[in-house]
Amino acid sequence: MPKAMHIRRDDSVVVIAGKDKGRTGRVIRTEPRRHRVYVEGINMVKRHQRPRSVSDTQKAQSSGIIEKEGPIDVSNVMLLDPSDNKPTRVGARVGDDGRRHRFAKRSGKAIE
């Protein structure tokens, strides 16, 4: 069973390693089994895509060379602290309702 990731969809993150180091973006999608995240506008890759014949009710898929986000290892991104927009580690604590909540270790404030 894969270990739980601290980064979730719609989190704001900063890239801390790789060709896009220092850039920030919003997480579009996560793949916990592969420990990967897809960040909006980061790690753009080119894909050659064939045109698809679709019915009138569906939207036509674009063809040619398209750019889309590639995966980034979750260890190469850090969550941005909601209070001061700086990178922070993520902790977990159990609230009064008995549920697990994430918090920013930098400021101690709850995330979300």
Protein backbone atom coordinates (compact mmCIF):
# COMPACT_ATOMS: atom_id res chain seq x y z
CA MET A 1 0.00 0.00 0.00
CA PRO A 2 1.47 3.39 -0.95
CA LYS A 3 2.32 5.90 1.73
CA ALA A 4 -0.10 8.83 1.94
CA MET A 5 1.02 11.99 0.14
CA HIS A 6 0.96 15.35 1.91
CA ILE A 7 0.13 17.20 -1.32
CA ARG A 8 -3.43 17.19 -2.62
CA ARG A 9 -5.26 18.50 -5.67
CA ASP A 10 -5.74 22.32 -5.76
CA ASP A 11 -2.83 22.92 -3.33
CA SER A 12 -0.42 25.73 -4.20
CA VAL A 13 3.12 24.40 -4.40
CA VAL A 14 6.64 25.56 -5.25
CA VAL A 15 9.10 23.40 -7.18
CA ILE A 16 12.30 22.88 -5.15
CA ALA A 17 14.34 20.80 -7.62
CA GLY A 18 14.68 20.28 -11.34
CA LYS A 19 14.46 22.48 -14.42
CA ASP A 20 11.50 24.48 -13.06
CA LYS A 21 13.06 25.13 -9.63
CA GLY A 22 11.57 28.18 -7.91
CA ARG A 23 8.35 28.29 -9.97
CA THR A 24 4.97 28.01 -8.30
CA GLY A 25 1.67 26.58 -9.45
CA ARG A 26 -1.51 24.77 -8.52
CA VAL A 27 -1.69 20.96 -8.37
CA ILE A 28 -3.99 19.68 -11.13
CA ARG A 29 -3.80 15.97 -10.44
CA THR A 30 -2.02 13.50 -8.16
CA GLU A 31 -0.92 9.89 -8.65
CA PRO A 32 -0.26 8.48 -5.16
CA ARG A 33 0.81 5.04 -6.39
CA ARG A 34 3.61 6.57 -8.49
CA HIS A 35 4.35 9.44 -6.02
CA ARG A 36 3.76 11.99 -8.78
CA VAL A 37 1.91 15.29 -9.07
CA TYR A 38 0.93 17.38 -12.08
CA VAL A 39 1.35 21.14 -11.53
CA GLU A 40 -0.32 23.76 -13.71
CA GLY A 41 2.19 25.28 -16.17
CA ILE A 42 5.18 23.33 -14.77
CA ASN A 43 7.23 20.62 -16.54
CA MET A 44 5.55 21.21 -19.89
CA VAL A 45 6.11 18.37 -22.36
CA LYS A 46 5.25 18.11 -26.06
CA ARG A 47 3.08 15.26 -27.26
CA HIS A 48 2.24 14.30 -30.83
CA GLN A 49 -1.48 13.63 -31.01
CA ARG A 50 -3.47 12.18 -33.89
CA PRO A 51 -6.85 13.64 -34.84
CA ARG A 52 -9.77 11.60 -33.58
CA SER A 53 -13.07 11.24 -35.35
CA VAL A 54 -15.82 12.06 -32.89
CA SER A 55 -19.59 12.37 -33.12
CA ASP A 56 -21.33 15.76 -33.25
CA THR A 57 -22.23 15.64 -29.55
CA GLN A 58 -18.64 15.38 -28.32
CA LYS A 59 -15.98 18.09 -28.46
CA ALA A 60 -13.34 17.52 -31.15
CA GLN A 61 -9.92 16.66 -29.72
CA SER A 62 -7.05 18.86 -30.89
CA SER A 63 -4.40 17.25 -33.04
CA GLY A 64 -0.78 17.99 -33.91
CA ILE A 65 1.94 18.81 -31.41
CA ILE A 66 0.33 19.81 -28.12
CA GLU A 67 1.93 20.94 -24.86
CA LYS A 68 0.70 19.58 -21.56
CA GLU A 69 1.93 19.19 -18.00
CA GLY A 70 4.22 16.28 -17.21
CA PRO A 71 4.52 14.52 -13.86
CA ILE A 72 6.84 15.72 -11.08
CA ASP A 73 7.95 13.57 -8.17
CA VAL A 74 6.18 14.66 -4.99
CA SER A 75 9.55 15.02 -3.21
CA ASN A 76 10.45 17.87 -5.60
CA VAL A 77 7.58 20.14 -4.55
CA MET A 78 6.72 21.88 -1.27
CA LEU A 79 3.39 23.26 -0.14
CA LEU A 80 3.08 27.03 0.12
CA ASP A 81 2.11 28.33 3.55
CA PRO A 82 -1.33 29.99 3.28
CA SER A 83 -0.34 32.83 5.65
CA ASP A 84 2.88 34.13 4.02
CA ASN A 85 3.19 32.23 0.68
CA LYS A 86 6.52 30.62 1.60
CA PRO A 87 7.40 26.91 1.36
CA THR A 88 6.51 24.83 4.39
CA ARG A 89 6.43 21.25 5.53
CA VAL A 90 3.07 19.65 6.25
CA GLY A 91 2.01 18.11 9.53
CA ALA A 92 -1.12 16.27 10.63
CA ARG A 93 -3.05 16.56 13.84
CA VAL A 94 -6.31 15.16 15.12
CA GLY A 95 -9.00 17.77 15.71
CA ASP A 96 -11.75 17.88 18.31
CA ASP A 97 -14.07 16.05 15.95
CA GLY A 98 -11.62 13.11 15.76
CA ARG A 99 -10.68 13.76 12.14
CA ARG A 100 -7.17 14.23 10.80
CA HIS A 101 -6.33 17.77 9.63
CA ARG A 102 -3.27 19.08 7.80
CA PHE A 103 -1.38 22.11 9.08
CA ALA A 104 1.61 24.18 7.97
CA LYS A 105 4.61 23.53 10.21
CA ARG A 106 6.00 27.00 9.42
CA SER A 107 3.09 28.96 10.90
CA GLY A 108 1.01 26.29 12.62
CA LYS A 109 -2.11 27.34 10.69
CA ALA A 110 -4.56 24.81 9.30
CA ILE A 111 -4.52 24.13 5.57
CA GLU A 112 -7.87 24.46 3.73
